Amino acid sequence: MHFLIYTSTASHLMDDSELENLLENCRMKNLKNDVTGMLLYKEGSFMQLLEGERNAVMSTYDRIEKDTRHKDITLLRERALPERNFGGWSMGFKSISSGVLEKTPGFSQLGENTFKSSELAADPHIALRLLKTFHETTLL
């Protein structure tokens, strides 16, 4: 099992319809490739975790890097994983407001490069913990 986490900036602010379309497409492709994960969207910024077999995760990430709906893609973490954190989710999704995100333990401003390499070196799973905590405390 393998996972990666990245952040990116939307090429434009997406409305609910665009986000629903993006999510529907992600879920279909992820089901086909046995990739699970979580996608957060906040005011033009994305943070996503992908997990599954390494080749499937890397192939999905390669496709994401070519997607013109976003830019400034930054890979935060990639490595082996003993088991899935978001099993059963072809793609969990949440569009969030600043107020909700700021109440989440481990909060960091998405899209503002606050995940510095020194922070990741000191705590290599900070982004994963943020996503898991957000999942556990805010999703229905």
Protein backbone atom coordinates (compact mmCIF):
# COMPACT_ATOMS: atom_id res chain seq x y z
CA MET A 1 0.00 0.00 0.00
CA HIS A 2 1.20 3.51 -0.84
CA PHE A 3 0.01 7.07 -0.22
CA LEU A 4 0.76 10.60 -1.26
CA ILE A 5 -0.52 14.00 -0.22
CA TYR A 6 -0.35 17.15 -2.31
CA THR A 7 -1.69 20.68 -2.36
CA SER A 8 -2.58 22.80 -5.38
CA THR A 9 -4.32 26.01 -6.36
CA ALA A 10 -7.43 26.01 -8.54
CA SER A 11 -6.97 27.83 -11.85
CA HIS A 12 -10.18 29.70 -10.91
CA LEU A 13 -12.61 29.63 -7.99
CA MET A 14 -14.87 26.63 -8.55
CA ASP A 15 -18.61 26.71 -7.96
CA ASP A 16 -20.60 23.83 -6.48
CA SER A 17 -21.47 22.43 -9.91
CA GLU A 18 -17.83 22.31 -11.00
CA LEU A 19 -16.80 20.68 -7.72
CA GLU A 20 -19.55 18.05 -8.04
CA ASN A 21 -18.44 17.26 -11.59
CA LEU A 22 -14.80 17.00 -10.49
CA LEU A 23 -15.75 14.73 -7.62
CA GLU A 24 -17.92 12.46 -9.78
CA ASN A 25 -15.08 12.01 -12.28
CA CYS A 26 -12.52 11.36 -9.51
CA ARG A 27 -14.72 8.76 -7.87
CA MET A 28 -15.30 6.84 -11.12
CA LYS A 29 -11.58 6.75 -11.96
CA ASN A 30 -10.58 5.91 -8.39
CA LEU A 31 -13.05 3.03 -8.16
CA LYS A 32 -11.70 1.63 -11.41
CA ASN A 33 -8.09 1.88 -10.13
CA ASP A 34 -8.78 0.87 -6.49
CA VAL A 35 -7.56 4.24 -5.22
CA THR A 36 -9.11 5.73 -2.09
CA GLY A 37 -8.52 9.02 -0.34
CA MET A 38 -9.79 12.41 0.59
CA LEU A 39 -10.01 15.78 -1.16
CA LEU A 40 -10.40 19.10 0.64
CA TYR A 41 -11.28 22.31 -1.19
CA LYS A 42 -11.11 25.72 0.43
CA GLU A 43 -11.56 28.97 -1.48
CA GLY A 44 -9.44 27.92 -4.46
CA SER A 45 -7.01 25.61 -2.67
CA PHE A 46 -6.94 21.82 -2.78
CA MET A 47 -5.36 19.29 -0.45
CA GLN A 48 -5.67 15.66 -1.43
CA LEU A 49 -4.54 12.30 -0.13
CA LEU A 50 -4.45 9.32 -2.49
CA GLU A 51 -3.84 5.76 -1.30
CA GLY A 52 -3.67 2.38 -2.98
CA GLU A 53 -1.16 0.26 -4.85
CA ARG A 54 1.90 2.36 -5.71
CA ASN A 55 1.49 2.17 -9.51
CA ALA A 56 -2.18 3.19 -9.29
CA VAL A 57 -1.43 6.10 -6.94
CA MET A 58 1.45 7.37 -9.07
CA SER A 59 -0.56 7.03 -12.28
CA THR A 60 -3.39 9.02 -10.69
CA TYR A 61 -0.95 11.70 -9.51
CA ASP A 62 0.61 11.91 -13.00
CA ARG A 63 -2.86 12.56 -14.43
CA ILE A 64 -3.53 15.19 -11.74
CA GLU A 65 -0.29 17.02 -12.58
CA LYS A 66 -1.53 17.45 -16.17
CA ASP A 67 -5.01 18.65 -15.17
CA THR A 68 -5.48 22.32 -16.15
CA ARG A 69 -8.11 22.93 -13.46
CA HIS A 70 -5.30 23.58 -11.00
CA LYS A 71 -1.69 24.75 -10.77
CA ASP A 72 1.15 25.09 -8.27
CA ILE A 73 0.98 21.41 -7.36
CA THR A 74 3.18 20.65 -4.37
CA LEU A 75 3.85 17.09 -3.27
CA LEU A 76 3.93 17.11 0.54
CA ARG A 77 4.49 13.46 1.34
CA GLU A 78 4.78 10.13 -0.45
CA ARG A 79 5.61 6.76 1.03
CA ALA A 80 4.58 3.22 1.87
CA LEU A 81 1.55 2.73 4.06
CA PRO A 82 0.74 -0.37 6.15
CA GLU A 83 -3.03 -0.05 5.54
CA ARG A 84 -5.55 2.38 4.09
CA ASN A 85 -6.72 5.30 6.17
CA PHE A 86 -9.75 6.01 3.98
CA GLY A 87 -10.73 2.52 2.85
CA GLY A 88 -14.16 2.36 1.26
CA TRP A 89 -13.90 5.96 0.05
CA SER A 90 -13.34 6.20 -3.69
CA MET A 91 -12.86 9.85 -2.78
CA GLY A 92 -14.06 11.52 0.38
CA PHE A 93 -14.69 15.20 -0.27
CA LYS A 94 -15.36 18.35 1.67
CA SER A 95 -15.55 21.96 0.59
CA ILE A 96 -14.72 23.91 3.71
CA SER A 97 -14.80 27.45 5.00
CA SER A 98 -12.00 29.14 6.91
CA GLY A 99 -13.98 29.02 10.15
CA VAL A 100 -14.41 25.24 10.01
CA LEU A 101 -10.81 24.57 9.02
CA GLU A 102 -9.34 26.83 11.69
CA LYS A 103 -11.09 24.73 14.37
CA THR A 104 -9.45 21.55 13.08
CA PRO A 105 -6.43 20.34 15.11
CA GLY A 106 -3.27 20.62 13.01
CA PHE A 107 -4.75 23.46 10.91
CA SER A 108 -2.51 25.04 8.30
CA GLN A 109 -3.42 27.57 5.64
CA LEU A 110 -3.89 25.59 2.43
CA GLY A 111 -2.13 27.15 -0.52
CA GLU A 112 0.09 29.44 1.56
CA ASN A 113 3.17 27.17 1.74
CA THR A 114 3.01 26.83 5.51
CA PHE A 115 4.07 23.18 5.28
CA LYS A 116 7.77 23.96 5.38
CA SER A 117 10.29 21.21 4.74
CA SER A 118 11.58 21.57 8.32
CA GLU A 119 8.07 20.92 9.69
CA LEU A 120 7.68 17.86 7.49
CA ALA A 121 11.10 16.58 8.52
CA ALA A 122 10.23 17.00 12.20
CA ASP A 123 6.77 15.50 11.79
CA PRO A 124 6.60 13.47 8.55
CA HIS A 125 2.90 12.70 8.88
CA ILE A 126 1.56 16.16 9.74
CA ALA A 127 -0.52 16.41 6.55
CA LEU A 128 -1.88 12.88 6.96
CA ARG A 129 -2.81 13.60 10.57
CA LEU A 130 -4.54 16.83 9.53
CA LEU A 131 -6.67 14.99 6.95
CA LYS A 132 -7.51 12.13 9.32
CA THR A 133 -8.44 14.53 12.13
CA PHE A 134 -10.57 16.58 9.76
CA HIS A 135 -12.29 13.39 8.59
CA GLU A 136 -12.95 12.20 12.14
CA THR A 137 -14.23 15.52 13.46
CA THR A 138 -16.18 17.15 10.64
CA LEU A 139 -17.47 14.75 7.99
CA LEU A 140 -20.89 13.20 8.25
